[in-house]
Amino acid sequence: MHLSRKIGYGLGDLGISISYFAVGFFYMFYLTDIIGMEPYLAGIAIFIGKLWDGINDPIIGILNDQIKSRFGRKRSFILFGSLPFALAFIFLWLIPVDAPVWIQFSLAVISLLTYATAYSIVV
């Protein structure tokens, strides 16, 4: 395989990898230090998101293997999942600072569930 093709494949994965690592490295910091959420609540929210990710990955994998599309199995998931994935990533960082704690926690959980689902669809 030519070096240019290897670089092309690597660049194609760059965007999704940046979003994944941004959430992995900075979301706990964002919830606790920027939003002001208690660390145990932030940890529970992230735990719920990771738990859902473990549940939805096999489900989406099965759906992906069974789909018949004129775009192809994998390509249709990437095409139709890209916009929801981008919106879910943006939604992660829009939790209001001045909202009550239960709203902050609920929005964090909902945004993590949405992000995990959209990530699984695209990847």
PDB file of N, CA and C in Angstrom:
ATOM      1  N   MET A   1       0.846  -1.163   0.000  1.00  0.00           N
ATOM      2  CA  MET A   1       0.000   0.000   0.000  1.00  0.00           C
ATOM      3  C   MET A   1       0.901   1.239   0.000  1.00  0.00           C
ATOM      4  N   HIS A   2       0.542   2.201  -0.827  1.00  0.00           N
ATOM      5  CA  HIS A   2       1.327   3.426  -0.919  1.00  0.00           C
ATOM      6  C   HIS A   2       1.152   4.285   0.329  1.00  0.00           C
ATOM      7  N   LEU A   3       2.181   5.067   0.613  1.00  0.00           N
ATOM      8  CA  LEU A   3       2.159   5.947   1.782  1.00  0.00           C
ATOM      9  C   LEU A   3       1.004   6.942   1.706  1.00  0.00           C
ATOM     10  N   SER A   4       0.715   7.444   0.526  1.00  0.00           N
ATOM     11  CA  SER A   4      -0.376   8.419   0.391  1.00  0.00           C
ATOM     12  C   SER A   4      -1.723   7.800   0.775  1.00  0.00           C
ATOM     13  N   ARG A   5      -1.930   6.553   0.452  1.00  0.00           N
ATOM     14  CA  ARG A   5      -3.175   5.881   0.822  1.00  0.00           C
ATOM     15  C   ARG A   5      -3.242   5.673   2.345  1.00  0.00           C
ATOM     16  N   LYS A   6      -2.112   5.313   2.949  1.00  0.00           N
ATOM     17  CA  LYS A   6      -2.068   5.156   4.402  1.00  0.00           C
ATOM     18  C   LYS A   6      -2.379   6.482   5.099  1.00  0.00           C
ATOM     19  N   ILE A   7      -1.810   7.546   4.594  1.00  0.00           N
ATOM     20  CA  ILE A   7      -2.079   8.874   5.159  1.00  0.00           C
ATOM     21  C   ILE A   7      -3.543   9.239   4.977  1.00  0.00           C
ATOM     22  N   GLY A   8      -4.104   8.903   3.837  1.00  0.00           N
ATOM     23  CA  GLY A   8      -5.525   9.170   3.591  1.00  0.00           C
ATOM     24  C   GLY A   8      -6.430   8.448   4.566  1.00  0.00           C
ATOM     25  N   TYR A   9      -6.153   7.187   4.833  1.00  0.00           N
ATOM     26  CA  TYR A   9      -6.947   6.440   5.808  1.00  0.00           C
ATOM     27  C   TYR A   9      -6.791   7.034   7.206  1.00  0.00           C
ATOM     28  N   GLY A  10      -5.576   7.426   7.534  1.00  0.00           N
ATOM     29  CA  GLY A  10      -5.335   8.029   8.844  1.00  0.00           C
ATOM     30  C   GLY A  10      -6.060   9.352   9.010  1.00  0.00           C
ATOM     31  N   LEU A  11      -6.052  10.175   7.980  1.00  0.00           N
ATOM     32  CA  LEU A  11      -6.752  11.455   8.044  1.00  0.00           C
ATOM     33  C   LEU A  11      -8.265  11.272   8.101  1.00  0.00           C
ATOM     34  N   GLY A  12      -8.757  10.222   7.472  1.00  0.00           N
ATOM     35  CA  GLY A  12     -10.192   9.956   7.508  1.00  0.00           C
ATOM     36  C   GLY A  12     -10.690   9.634   8.907  1.00  0.00           C
ATOM     37  N   ASP A  13      -9.830   9.099   9.730  1.00  0.00           N
ATOM     38  CA  ASP A  13     -10.203   8.744  11.100  1.00  0.00           C
ATOM     39  C   ASP A  13      -9.891   9.854  12.092  1.00  0.00           C
ATOM     40  N   LEU A  14      -9.243  10.904  11.644  1.00  0.00           N
ATOM     41  CA  LEU A  14      -8.782  11.953  12.548  1.00  0.00           C
ATOM     42  C   LEU A  14      -9.929  12.671  13.259  1.00  0.00           C
ATOM     43  N   GLY A  15     -10.958  13.055  12.531  1.00  0.00           N
ATOM     44  CA  GLY A  15     -12.060  13.809  13.127  1.00  0.00           C
ATOM     45  C   GLY A  15     -12.783  13.040  14.210  1.00  0.00           C
ATOM     46  N   ILE A  16     -13.115  11.801  13.935  1.00  0.00           N
ATOM     47  CA  ILE A  16     -13.839  10.992  14.914  1.00  0.00           C
ATOM     48  C   ILE A  16     -12.959  10.705  16.128  1.00  0.00           C
ATOM     49  N   SER A  17     -11.663  10.532  15.903  1.00  0.00           N
ATOM     50  CA  SER A  17     -10.741  10.275  17.015  1.00  0.00           C
ATOM     51  C   SER A  17     -10.578  11.506  17.901  1.00  0.00           C
ATOM     52  N   ILE A  18     -10.528  12.671  17.297  1.00  0.00           N
ATOM     53  CA  ILE A  18     -10.410  13.902  18.083  1.00  0.00           C
ATOM     54  C   ILE A  18     -11.625  14.066  18.982  1.00  0.00           C
ATOM     55  N   SER A  19     -12.809  13.819  18.454  1.00  0.00           N
ATOM     56  CA  SER A  19     -14.013  13.962  19.274  1.00  0.00           C
ATOM     57  C   SER A  19     -14.027  12.927  20.399  1.00  0.00           C
ATOM     58  N   TYR A  20     -13.635  11.711  20.105  1.00  0.00           N
ATOM     59  CA  TYR A  20     -13.626  10.655  21.115  1.00  0.00           C
ATOM     60  C   TYR A  20     -12.672  10.992  22.259  1.00  0.00           C
ATOM     61  N   PHE A  21     -11.469  11.423  21.914  1.00  0.00           N
ATOM     62  CA  PHE A  21     -10.491  11.731  22.951  1.00  0.00           C
ATOM     63  C   PHE A  21     -10.813  13.036  23.673  1.00  0.00           C
ATOM     64  N   ALA A  22     -11.450  13.982  22.995  1.00  0.00           N
ATOM     65  CA  ALA A  22     -11.872  15.215  23.673  1.00  0.00           C
ATOM     66  C   ALA A  22     -12.877  14.893  24.769  1.00  0.00           C
ATOM     67  N   VAL A  23     -13.813  14.023  24.465  1.00  0.00           N
ATOM     68  CA  VAL A  23     -14.790  13.622  25.482  1.00  0.00           C
ATOM     69  C   VAL A  23     -14.109  12.812  26.578  1.00  0.00           C
ATOM     70  N   GLY A  24     -13.262  11.892  26.207  1.00  0.00           N
ATOM     71  CA  GLY A  24     -12.588  11.053  27.191  1.00  0.00           C
ATOM     72  C   GLY A  24     -11.675  11.830  28.133  1.00  0.00           C
ATOM     73  N   PHE A  25     -10.974  12.820  27.615  1.00  0.00           N
ATOM     74  CA  PHE A  25     -10.024  13.560  28.429  1.00  0.00           C
ATOM     75  C   PHE A  25     -10.642  14.750  29.169  1.00  0.00           C
ATOM     76  N   PHE A  26     -11.590  15.441  28.532  1.00  0.00           N
ATOM     77  CA  PHE A  26     -12.019  16.727  29.055  1.00  0.00           C
ATOM     78  C   PHE A  26     -13.438  16.781  29.614  1.00  0.00           C
ATOM     79  N   TYR A  27     -14.273  15.764  29.369  1.00  0.00           N
ATOM     80  CA  TYR A  27     -15.675  15.903  29.773  1.00  0.00           C
ATOM     81  C   TYR A  27     -15.849  15.903  31.283  1.00  0.00           C
ATOM     82  N   MET A  28     -15.103  15.099  31.994  1.00  0.00           N
ATOM     83  CA  MET A  28     -15.182  15.113  33.464  1.00  0.00           C
ATOM     84  C   MET A  28     -14.734  16.474  33.990  1.00  0.00           C
ATOM     85  N   PHE A  29     -13.642  16.997  33.459  1.00  0.00           N
ATOM     86  CA  PHE A  29     -13.169  18.332  33.838  1.00  0.00           C
ATOM     87  C   PHE A  29     -14.242  19.371  33.531  1.00  0.00           C
ATOM     88  N   TYR A  30     -14.846  19.285  32.358  1.00  0.00           N
ATOM     89  CA  TYR A  30     -15.894  20.226  31.966  1.00  0.00           C
ATOM     90  C   TYR A  30     -17.056  20.190  32.955  1.00  0.00           C
ATOM     91  N   LEU A  31     -17.514  18.990  33.291  1.00  0.00           N
ATOM     92  CA  LEU A  31     -18.657  18.878  34.201  1.00  0.00           C
ATOM     93  C   LEU A  31     -18.327  19.385  35.607  1.00  0.00           C
ATOM     94  N   THR A  32     -17.158  19.072  36.098  1.00  0.00           N
ATOM     95  CA  THR A  32     -16.831  19.428  37.487  1.00  0.00           C
ATOM     96  C   THR A  32     -16.308  20.854  37.626  1.00  0.00           C
ATOM     97  N   ASP A  33     -15.384  21.272  36.768  1.00  0.00           N
ATOM     98  CA  ASP A  33     -14.741  22.567  36.950  1.00  0.00           C
ATOM     99  C   ASP A  33     -15.423  23.709  36.198  1.00  0.00           C
ATOM    100  N   ILE A  34     -16.025  23.443  35.078  1.00  0.00           N
ATOM    101  CA  ILE A  34     -16.687  24.503  34.306  1.00  0.00           C
ATOM    102  C   ILE A  34     -18.152  24.622  34.719  1.00  0.00           C
ATOM    103  N   ILE A  35     -18.858  23.505  34.720  1.00  0.00           N
ATOM    104  CA  ILE A  35     -20.276  23.497  35.067  1.00  0.00           C
ATOM    105  C   ILE A  35     -20.470  23.587  36.582  1.00  0.00           C
ATOM    106  N   GLY A  36     -19.569  23.017  37.347  1.00  0.00           N
ATOM    107  CA  GLY A  36     -19.668  23.055  38.798  1.00  0.00           C
ATOM    108  C   GLY A  36     -20.430  21.882  39.391  1.00  0.00           C
ATOM    109  N   MET A  37     -20.551  20.818  38.633  1.00  0.00           N
ATOM    110  CA  MET A  37     -21.256  19.627  39.116  1.00  0.00           C
ATOM    111  C   MET A  37     -20.384  18.894  40.135  1.00  0.00           C
ATOM    112  N   GLU A  38     -21.031  18.290  41.095  1.00  0.00           N
ATOM    113  CA  GLU A  38     -20.313  17.482  42.078  1.00  0.00           C
ATOM    114  C   GLU A  38     -19.616  16.322  41.354  1.00  0.00           C
ATOM    115  N   PRO A  39     -18.399  15.988  41.745  1.00  0.00           N
ATOM    116  CA  PRO A  39     -17.659  14.921  41.051  1.00  0.00           C
ATOM    117  C   PRO A  39     -18.383  13.579  41.038  1.00  0.00           C
ATOM    118  N   TYR A  40     -19.083  13.237  42.115  1.00  0.00           N
ATOM    119  CA  TYR A  40     -19.775  11.945  42.112  1.00  0.00           C
ATOM    120  C   TYR A  40     -20.919  11.934  41.100  1.00  0.00           C
ATOM    121  N   LEU A  41     -21.598  13.071  40.910  1.00  0.00           N
ATOM    122  CA  LEU A  41     -22.664  13.131  39.902  1.00  0.00           C
ATOM    123  C   LEU A  41     -22.086  13.066  38.486  1.00  0.00           C
ATOM    124  N   ALA A  42     -20.977  13.755  38.278  1.00  0.00           N
ATOM    125  CA  ALA A  42     -20.320  13.694  36.969  1.00  0.00           C
ATOM    126  C   ALA A  42     -19.857  12.271  36.670  1.00  0.00           C
ATOM    127  N   GLY A  43     -19.328  11.603  37.675  1.00  0.00           N
ATOM    128  CA  GLY A  43     -18.900  10.215  37.495  1.00  0.00           C
ATOM    129  C   GLY A  43     -20.056   9.287  37.192  1.00  0.00           C
ATOM    130  N   ILE A  44     -21.182   9.489  37.864  1.00  0.00           N
ATOM    131  CA  ILE A  44     -22.368   8.668  37.595  1.00  0.00           C
ATOM    132  C   ILE A  44     -22.875   8.917  36.180  1.00  0.00           C
ATOM    133  N   ALA A  45     -22.890  10.176  35.759  1.00  0.00           N
ATOM    134  CA  ALA A  45     -23.344  10.500  34.396  1.00  0.00           C
ATOM    135  C   ALA A  45     -22.465   9.819  33.355  1.00  0.00           C
ATOM    136  N   ILE A  46     -21.162   9.902  33.542  1.00  0.00           N
ATOM    137  CA  ILE A  46     -20.238   9.276  32.594  1.00  0.00           C
ATOM    138  C   ILE A  46     -20.362   7.761  32.652  1.00  0.00           C
ATOM    139  N   PHE A  47     -20.553   7.207  33.837  1.00  0.00           N
ATOM    140  CA  PHE A  47     -20.754   5.764  33.967  1.00  0.00           C
ATOM    141  C   PHE A  47     -21.997   5.311  33.205  1.00  0.00           C
ATOM    142  N   ILE A  48     -23.085   6.051  33.327  1.00  0.00           N
ATOM    143  CA  ILE A  48     -24.317   5.700  32.604  1.00  0.00           C
ATOM    144  C   ILE A  48     -24.072   5.745  31.101  1.00  0.00           C
ATOM    145  N   GLY A  49     -23.343   6.766  30.640  1.00  0.00           N
ATOM    146  CA  GLY A  49     -23.027   6.858  29.208  1.00  0.00           C
ATOM    147  C   GLY A  49     -22.181   5.687  28.732  1.00  0.00           C
ATOM    148  N   LYS A  50     -21.188   5.294  29.519  1.00  0.00           N
ATOM    149  CA  LYS A  50     -20.331   4.159  29.140  1.00  0.00           C
ATOM    150  C   LYS A  50     -21.089   2.839  29.213  1.00  0.00           C
ATOM    151  N   LEU A  51     -21.964   2.717  30.195  1.00  0.00           N
ATOM    152  CA  LEU A  51     -22.790   1.512  30.296  1.00  0.00           C
ATOM    153  C   LEU A  51     -23.684   1.375  29.064  1.00  0.00           C
ATOM    154  N   TRP A  52     -24.296   2.482  28.656  1.00  0.00           N
ATOM    155  CA  TRP A  52     -25.135   2.460  27.461  1.00  0.00           C
ATOM    156  C   TRP A  52     -24.299   2.142  26.222  1.00  0.00           C
ATOM    157  N   ASP A  53     -23.083   2.654  26.168  1.00  0.00           N
ATOM    158  CA  ASP A  53     -22.207   2.374  25.034  1.00  0.00           C
ATOM    159  C   ASP A  53     -21.933   0.877  24.928  1.00  0.00           C
ATOM    160  N   GLY A  54     -21.768   0.206  26.049  1.00  0.00           N
ATOM    161  CA  GLY A  54     -21.560  -1.242  26.038  1.00  0.00           C
ATOM    162  C   GLY A  54     -22.786  -2.014  25.602  1.00  0.00           C
ATOM    163  N   ILE A  55     -23.956  -1.434  25.805  1.00  0.00           N
ATOM    164  CA  ILE A  55     -25.203  -2.094  25.402  1.00  0.00           C
ATOM    165  C   ILE A  55     -25.508  -1.824  23.934  1.00  0.00           C
ATOM    166  N   ASN A  56     -25.327  -0.572  23.507  1.00  0.00           N
ATOM    167  CA  ASN A  56     -25.755  -0.233  22.148  1.00  0.00           C
ATOM    168  C   ASN A  56     -24.779  -0.665  21.062  1.00  0.00           C
ATOM    169  N   ASP A  57     -23.507  -0.852  21.384  1.00  0.00           N
ATOM    170  CA  ASP A  57     -22.543  -1.274  20.358  1.00  0.00           C
ATOM    171  C   ASP A  57     -22.935  -2.598  19.686  1.00  0.00           C
ATOM    172  N   PRO A  58     -23.247  -3.649  20.447  1.00  0.00           N
ATOM    173  CA  PRO A  58     -23.651  -4.890  19.770  1.00  0.00           C
ATOM    174  C   PRO A  58     -24.957  -4.745  18.996  1.00  0.00           C
ATOM    175  N   ILE A  59     -25.885  -3.956  19.516  1.00  0.00           N
ATOM    176  CA  ILE A  59     -27.167  -3.762  18.820  1.00  0.00           C
ATOM    177  C   ILE A  59     -26.946  -3.076  17.486  1.00  0.00           C
ATOM    178  N   ILE A  60     -26.171  -2.012  17.484  1.00  0.00           N
ATOM    179  CA  ILE A  60     -25.907  -1.292  16.240  1.00  0.00           C
ATOM    180  C   ILE A  60     -25.063  -2.146  15.294  1.00  0.00           C
ATOM    181  N   GLY A  61     -24.166  -2.947  15.838  1.00  0.00           N
ATOM    182  CA  GLY A  61     -23.391  -3.862  14.998  1.00  0.00           C
ATOM    183  C   GLY A  61     -24.277  -4.872  14.288  1.00  0.00           C
ATOM    184  N   ILE A  62     -25.261  -5.411  15.009  1.00  0.00           N
ATOM    185  CA  ILE A  62     -26.198  -6.361  14.396  1.00  0.00           C
ATOM    186  C   ILE A  62     -27.028  -5.664  13.327  1.00  0.00           C
ATOM    187  N   LEU A  63     -27.524  -4.453  13.642  1.00  0.00           N
ATOM    188  CA  LEU A  63     -28.297  -3.701  12.645  1.00  0.00           C
ATOM    189  C   LEU A  63     -27.456  -3.396  11.409  1.00  0.00           C
ATOM    190  N   ASN A  64     -26.207  -3.042  11.633  1.00  0.00           N
ATOM    191  CA  ASN A  64     -25.314  -2.725  10.530  1.00  0.00           C
ATOM    192  C   ASN A  64     -25.083  -3.937   9.633  1.00  0.00           C
ATOM    193  N   ASP A  65     -24.974  -5.112  10.220  1.00  0.00           N
ATOM    194  CA  ASP A  65     -24.754  -6.316   9.432  1.00  0.00           C
ATOM    195  C   ASP A  65     -25.991  -6.737   8.644  1.00  0.00           C
ATOM    196  N   GLN A  66     -27.178  -6.341   9.098  1.00  0.00           N
ATOM    197  CA  GLN A  66     -28.411  -6.791   8.457  1.00  0.00           C
ATOM    198  C   GLN A  66     -28.994  -5.798   7.467  1.00  0.00           C
ATOM    199  N   ILE A  67     -28.485  -4.575   7.429  1.00  0.00           N
ATOM    200  CA  ILE A  67     -29.091  -3.547   6.582  1.00  0.00           C
ATOM    201  C   ILE A  67     -28.754  -3.782   5.111  1.00  0.00           C
ATOM    202  N   LYS A  68     -29.714  -3.506   4.280  1.00  0.00           N
ATOM    203  CA  LYS A  68     -29.528  -3.536   2.828  1.00  0.00           C
ATOM    204  C   LYS A  68     -29.798  -2.134   2.317  1.00  0.00           C
ATOM    205  N   SER A  69     -28.794  -1.519   1.708  1.00  0.00           N
ATOM    206  CA  SER A  69     -28.927  -0.151   1.230  1.00  0.00           C
ATOM    207  C   SER A  69     -28.195   0.005  -0.088  1.00  0.00           C
ATOM    208  N   ARG A  70     -28.687   0.917  -0.889  1.00  0.00           N
ATOM    209  CA  ARG A  70     -28.009   1.162  -2.172  1.00  0.00           C
ATOM    210  C   ARG A  70     -26.663   1.861  -1.960  1.00  0.00           C
ATOM    211  N   PHE A  71     -26.469   2.451  -0.782  1.00  0.00           N
ATOM    212  CA  PHE A  71     -25.202   3.087  -0.454  1.00  0.00           C
ATOM    213  C   PHE A  71     -24.184   2.092   0.093  1.00  0.00           C
ATOM    214  N   GLY A  72     -24.640   0.924   0.474  1.00  0.00           N
ATOM    215  CA  GLY A  72     -23.777  -0.056   1.122  1.00  0.00           C
ATOM    216  C   GLY A  72     -24.039  -0.057   2.610  1.00  0.00           C
ATOM    217  N   ARG A  73     -23.701  -1.160   3.259  1.00  0.00           N
ATOM    218  CA  ARG A  73     -24.001  -1.305   4.688  1.00  0.00           C
ATOM    219  C   ARG A  73     -23.299  -0.256   5.531  1.00  0.00           C
ATOM    220  N   LYS A  74     -22.015  -0.179   5.422  1.00  0.00           N
ATOM    221  CA  LYS A  74     -21.235   0.715   6.288  1.00  0.00           C
ATOM    222  C   LYS A  74     -21.406   2.177   5.889  1.00  0.00           C
ATOM    223  N   ARG A  75     -21.398   2.444   4.599  1.00  0.00           N
ATOM    224  CA  ARG A  75     -21.465   3.822   4.119  1.00  0.00           C
ATOM    225  C   ARG A  75     -22.774   4.499   4.500  1.00  0.00           C
ATOM    226  N   SER A  76     -23.876   3.764   4.503  1.00  0.00           N
ATOM    227  CA  SER A  76     -25.159   4.378   4.864  1.00  0.00           C
ATOM    228  C   SER A  76     -25.168   4.807   6.322  1.00  0.00           C
ATOM    229  N   PHE A  77     -24.532   4.046   7.196  1.00  0.00           N
ATOM    230  CA  PHE A  77     -24.459   4.431   8.601  1.00  0.00           C
ATOM    231  C   PHE A  77     -23.611   5.687   8.764  1.00  0.00           C
ATOM    232  N   ILE A  78     -22.521   5.766   8.010  1.00  0.00           N
ATOM    233  CA  ILE A  78     -21.657   6.952   8.091  1.00  0.00           C
ATOM    234  C   ILE A  78     -22.384   8.174   7.532  1.00  0.00           C
ATOM    235  N   LEU A  79     -23.028   8.013   6.383  1.00  0.00           N
ATOM    236  CA  LEU A  79     -23.711   9.145   5.755  1.00  0.00           C
ATOM    237  C   LEU A  79     -24.843   9.691   6.613  1.00  0.00           C
ATOM    238  N   PHE A  80     -25.692   8.811   7.101  1.00  0.00           N
ATOM    239  CA  PHE A  80     -26.873   9.262   7.820  1.00  0.00           C
ATOM    240  C   PHE A  80     -26.615   9.469   9.319  1.00  0.00           C
ATOM    241  N   GLY A  81     -25.480   9.038   9.808  1.00  0.00           N
ATOM    242  CA  GLY A  81     -25.160   9.239  11.209  1.00  0.00           C
ATOM    243  C   GLY A  81     -24.246  10.422  11.471  1.00  0.00           C
ATOM    244  N   SER A  82     -23.671  11.000  10.426  1.00  0.00           N
ATOM    245  CA  SER A  82     -22.697  12.075  10.619  1.00  0.00           C
ATOM    246  C   SER A  82     -23.306  13.333  11.216  1.00  0.00           C
ATOM    247  N   LEU A  83     -24.429  13.772  10.700  1.00  0.00           N
ATOM    248  CA  LEU A  83     -25.062  14.975  11.233  1.00  0.00           C
ATOM    249  C   LEU A  83     -25.543  14.774  12.674  1.00  0.00           C
ATOM    250  N   PRO A  84     -26.246  13.673  12.987  1.00  0.00           N
ATOM    251  CA  PRO A  84     -26.589  13.461  14.402  1.00  0.00           C
ATOM    252  C   PRO A  84     -25.362  13.364  15.307  1.00  0.00           C
ATOM    253  N   PHE A  85     -24.284  12.783  14.804  1.00  0.00           N
ATOM    254  CA  PHE A  85     -23.059  12.696  15.597  1.00  0.00           C
ATOM    255  C   PHE A  85     -22.501  14.088  15.885  1.00  0.00           C
ATOM    256  N   ALA A  86     -22.443  14.934  14.872  1.00  0.00           N
ATOM    257  CA  ALA A  86     -21.936  16.294  15.070  1.00  0.00           C
ATOM    258  C   ALA A  86     -22.813  17.069  16.052  1.00  0.00           C
ATOM    259  N   LEU A  87     -24.115  16.948  15.913  1.00  0.00           N
ATOM    260  CA  LEU A  87     -25.027  17.645  16.827  1.00  0.00           C
ATOM    261  C   LEU A  87     -24.908  17.110  18.251  1.00  0.00           C
ATOM    262  N   ALA A  88     -24.751  15.804  18.396  1.00  0.00           N
ATOM    263  CA  ALA A  88     -24.592  15.209  19.729  1.00  0.00           C
ATOM    264  C   ALA A  88     -23.305  15.688  20.376  1.00  0.00           C
ATOM    265  N   PHE A  89     -22.232  15.809  19.599  1.00  0.00           N
ATOM    266  CA  PHE A  89     -20.969  16.298  20.143  1.00  0.00           C
ATOM    267  C   PHE A  89     -21.106  17.746  20.608  1.00  0.00           C
ATOM    268  N   ILE A  90     -21.785  18.574  19.834  1.00  0.00           N
ATOM    269  CA  ILE A  90     -22.006  19.967  20.223  1.00  0.00           C
ATOM    270  C   ILE A  90     -22.867  20.040  21.480  1.00  0.00           C
ATOM    271  N   PHE A  91     -23.909  19.214  21.530  1.00  0.00           N
ATOM    272  CA  PHE A  91     -24.843  19.210  22.659  1.00  0.00           C
ATOM    273  C   PHE A  91     -24.140  18.862  23.975  1.00  0.00           C
ATOM    274  N   LEU A  92     -23.068  18.074  23.915  1.00  0.00           N
ATOM    275  CA  LEU A  92     -22.312  17.727  25.121  1.00  0.00           C
ATOM    276  C   LEU A  92     -21.820  18.962  25.868  1.00  0.00           C
ATOM    277  N   TRP A  93     -21.463  19.995  25.128  1.00  0.00           N
ATOM    278  CA  TRP A  93     -20.781  21.151  25.704  1.00  0.00           C
ATOM    279  C   TRP A  93     -21.724  22.332  25.938  1.00  0.00           C
ATOM    280  N   LEU A  94     -23.027  22.102  25.883  1.00  0.00           N
ATOM    281  CA  LEU A  94     -23.993  23.197  26.032  1.00  0.00           C
ATOM    282  C   LEU A  94     -24.818  23.108  27.310  1.00  0.00           C
ATOM    283  N   ILE A  95     -24.294  22.530  28.344  1.00  0.00           N
ATOM    284  CA  ILE A  95     -25.015  22.435  29.612  1.00  0.00           C
ATOM    285  C   ILE A  95     -24.936  23.790  30.307  1.00  0.00           C
ATOM    286  N   PRO A  96     -26.083  24.368  30.682  1.00  0.00           N
ATOM    287  CA  PRO A  96     -26.051  25.690  31.305  1.00  0.00           C
ATOM    288  C   PRO A  96     -25.444  25.658  32.708  1.00  0.00           C
ATOM    289  N   VAL A  97     -24.588  26.632  32.984  1.00  0.00           N
ATOM    290  CA  VAL A  97     -23.898  26.710  34.265  1.00  0.00           C
ATOM    291  C   VAL A  97     -24.859  27.070  35.389  1.00  0.00           C
ATOM    292  N   ASP A  98     -25.839  27.915  35.091  1.00  0.00           N
ATOM    293  CA  ASP A  98     -26.733  28.410  36.136  1.00  0.00           C
ATOM    294  C   ASP A  98     -27.991  27.562  36.330  1.00  0.00           C
ATOM    295  N   ALA A  99     -28.074  26.435  35.667  1.00  0.00           N
ATOM    296  CA  ALA A  99     -29.238  25.547  35.812  1.00  0.00           C
ATOM    297  C   ALA A  99     -29.153  24.785  37.136  1.00  0.00           C
ATOM    298  N   PRO A 100     -30.307  24.340  37.648  1.00  0.00           N
ATOM    299  CA  PRO A 100     -30.275  23.494  38.844  1.00  0.00           C
ATOM    300  C   PRO A 100     -29.478  22.212  38.595  1.00  0.00           C
ATOM    301  N   VAL A 101     -28.973  21.645  39.678  1.00  0.00           N
ATOM    302  CA  VAL A 101     -28.102  20.470  39.585  1.00  0.00           C
ATOM    303  C   VAL A 101     -28.788  19.313  38.879  1.00  0.00           C
ATOM    304  N   TRP A 102     -30.052  19.065  39.168  1.00  0.00           N
ATOM    305  CA  TRP A 102     -30.739  17.929  38.558  1.00  0.00           C
ATOM    306  C   TRP A 102     -30.914  18.130  37.054  1.00  0.00           C
ATOM    307  N   ILE A 103     -31.055  19.369  36.605  1.00  0.00           N
ATOM    308  CA  ILE A 103     -31.134  19.627  35.164  1.00  0.00           C
ATOM    309  C   ILE A 103     -29.762  19.429  34.528  1.00  0.00           C
ATOM    310  N   GLN A 104     -28.717  19.913  35.178  1.00  0.00           N
ATOM    311  CA  GLN A 104     -27.363  19.705  34.670  1.00  0.00           C
ATOM    312  C   GLN A 104     -27.056  18.213  34.545  1.00  0.00           C
ATOM    313  N   PHE A 105     -27.378  17.463  35.584  1.00  0.00           N
ATOM    314  CA  PHE A 105     -27.131  16.017  35.568  1.00  0.00           C
ATOM    315  C   PHE A 105     -27.937  15.343  34.463  1.00  0.00           C
ATOM    316  N   SER A 106     -29.217  15.693  34.351  1.00  0.00           N
ATOM    317  CA  SER A 106     -30.078  15.094  33.319  1.00  0.00           C
ATOM    318  C   SER A 106     -29.564  15.415  31.924  1.00  0.00           C
ATOM    319  N   LEU A 107     -29.173  16.655  31.697  1.00  0.00           N
ATOM    320  CA  LEU A 107     -28.635  17.030  30.384  1.00  0.00           C
ATOM    321  C   LEU A 107     -27.324  16.320  30.094  1.00  0.00           C
ATOM    322  N   ALA A 108     -26.491  16.148  31.110  1.00  0.00           N
ATOM    323  CA  ALA A 108     -25.229  15.423  30.910  1.00  0.00           C
ATOM    324  C   ALA A 108     -25.502  13.976  30.528  1.00  0.00           C
ATOM    325  N   VAL A 109     -26.436  13.328  31.220  1.00  0.00           N
ATOM    326  CA  VAL A 109     -26.759  11.931  30.911  1.00  0.00           C
ATOM    327  C   VAL A 109     -27.368  11.821  29.517  1.00  0.00           C
ATOM    328  N   ILE A 110     -28.335  12.673  29.210  1.00  0.00           N
ATOM    329  CA  ILE A 110     -28.982  12.621  27.896  1.00  0.00           C
ATOM    330  C   ILE A 110     -27.972  12.887  26.786  1.00  0.00           C
ATOM    331  N   SER A 111     -27.106  13.873  26.983  1.00  0.00           N
ATOM    332  CA  SER A 111     -26.127  14.179  25.944  1.00  0.00           C
ATOM    333  C   SER A 111     -25.107  13.056  25.782  1.00  0.00           C
ATOM    334  N   LEU A 112     -24.720  12.413  26.884  1.00  0.00           N
ATOM    335  CA  LEU A 112     -23.789  11.281  26.775  1.00  0.00           C
ATOM    336  C   LEU A 112     -24.444  10.075  26.105  1.00  0.00           C
ATOM    337  N   LEU A 113     -25.706   9.823  26.409  1.00  0.00           N
ATOM    338  CA  LEU A 113     -26.417   8.717  25.755  1.00  0.00           C
ATOM    339  C   LEU A 113     -26.552   8.978  24.255  1.00  0.00           C
ATOM    340  N   THR A 114     -26.879  10.206  23.910  1.00  0.00           N
ATOM    341  CA  THR A 114     -27.019  10.576  22.495  1.00  0.00           C
ATOM    342  C   THR A 114     -25.676  10.483  21.778  1.00  0.00           C
ATOM    343  N   TYR A 115     -24.632  10.997  22.418  1.00  0.00           N
ATOM    344  CA  TYR A 115     -23.303  10.949  21.812  1.00  0.00           C
ATOM    345  C   TYR A 115     -22.832   9.505  21.622  1.00  0.00           C
ATOM    346  N   ALA A 116     -23.018   8.667  22.636  1.00  0.00           N
ATOM    347  CA  ALA A 116     -22.589   7.271  22.534  1.00  0.00           C
ATOM    348  C   ALA A 116     -23.321   6.544  21.416  1.00  0.00           C
ATOM    349  N   THR A 117     -24.618   6.818  21.272  1.00  0.00           N
ATOM    350  CA  THR A 117     -25.395   6.177  20.214  1.00  0.00           C
ATOM    351  C   THR A 117     -24.928   6.656  18.834  1.00  0.00           C
ATOM    352  N   ALA A 118     -24.793   7.967  18.689  1.00  0.00           N
ATOM    353  CA  ALA A 118     -24.361   8.521  17.392  1.00  0.00           C
ATOM    354  C   ALA A 118     -22.940   8.066  17.054  1.00  0.00           C
ATOM    355  N   TYR A 119     -22.075   7.996  18.051  1.00  0.00           N
ATOM    356  CA  TYR A 119     -20.703   7.535  17.820  1.00  0.00           C
ATOM    357  C   TYR A 119     -20.710   6.084  17.329  1.00  0.00           C
ATOM    358  N   SER A 120     -21.524   5.262  17.959  1.00  0.00           N
ATOM    359  CA  SER A 120     -21.595   3.853  17.552  1.00  0.00           C
ATOM    360  C   SER A 120     -22.141   3.714  16.136  1.00  0.00           C
ATOM    361  N   ILE A 121     -23.077   4.554  15.763  1.00  0.00           N
ATOM    362  CA  ILE A 121     -23.642   4.485  14.416  1.00  0.00           C
ATOM    363  C   ILE A 121     -22.575   4.840  13.383  1.00  0.00           C
ATOM    364  N   VAL A 122     -21.824   5.901  13.638  1.00  0.00           N
ATOM    365  CA  VAL A 122     -20.852   6.358  12.649  1.00  0.00           C
ATOM    366  C   VAL A 122     -19.623   5.447  12.609  1.00  0.00           C
ATOM    367  N   VAL A 123     -19.200   4.978  13.753  1.00  0.00           N
ATOM    368  CA  VAL A 123     -17.977   4.163  13.795  1.00  0.00           C
ATOM    369  C   VAL A 123     -18.311   2.712  13.537  1.00  0.00           C
TER     370      VAL A 123
END
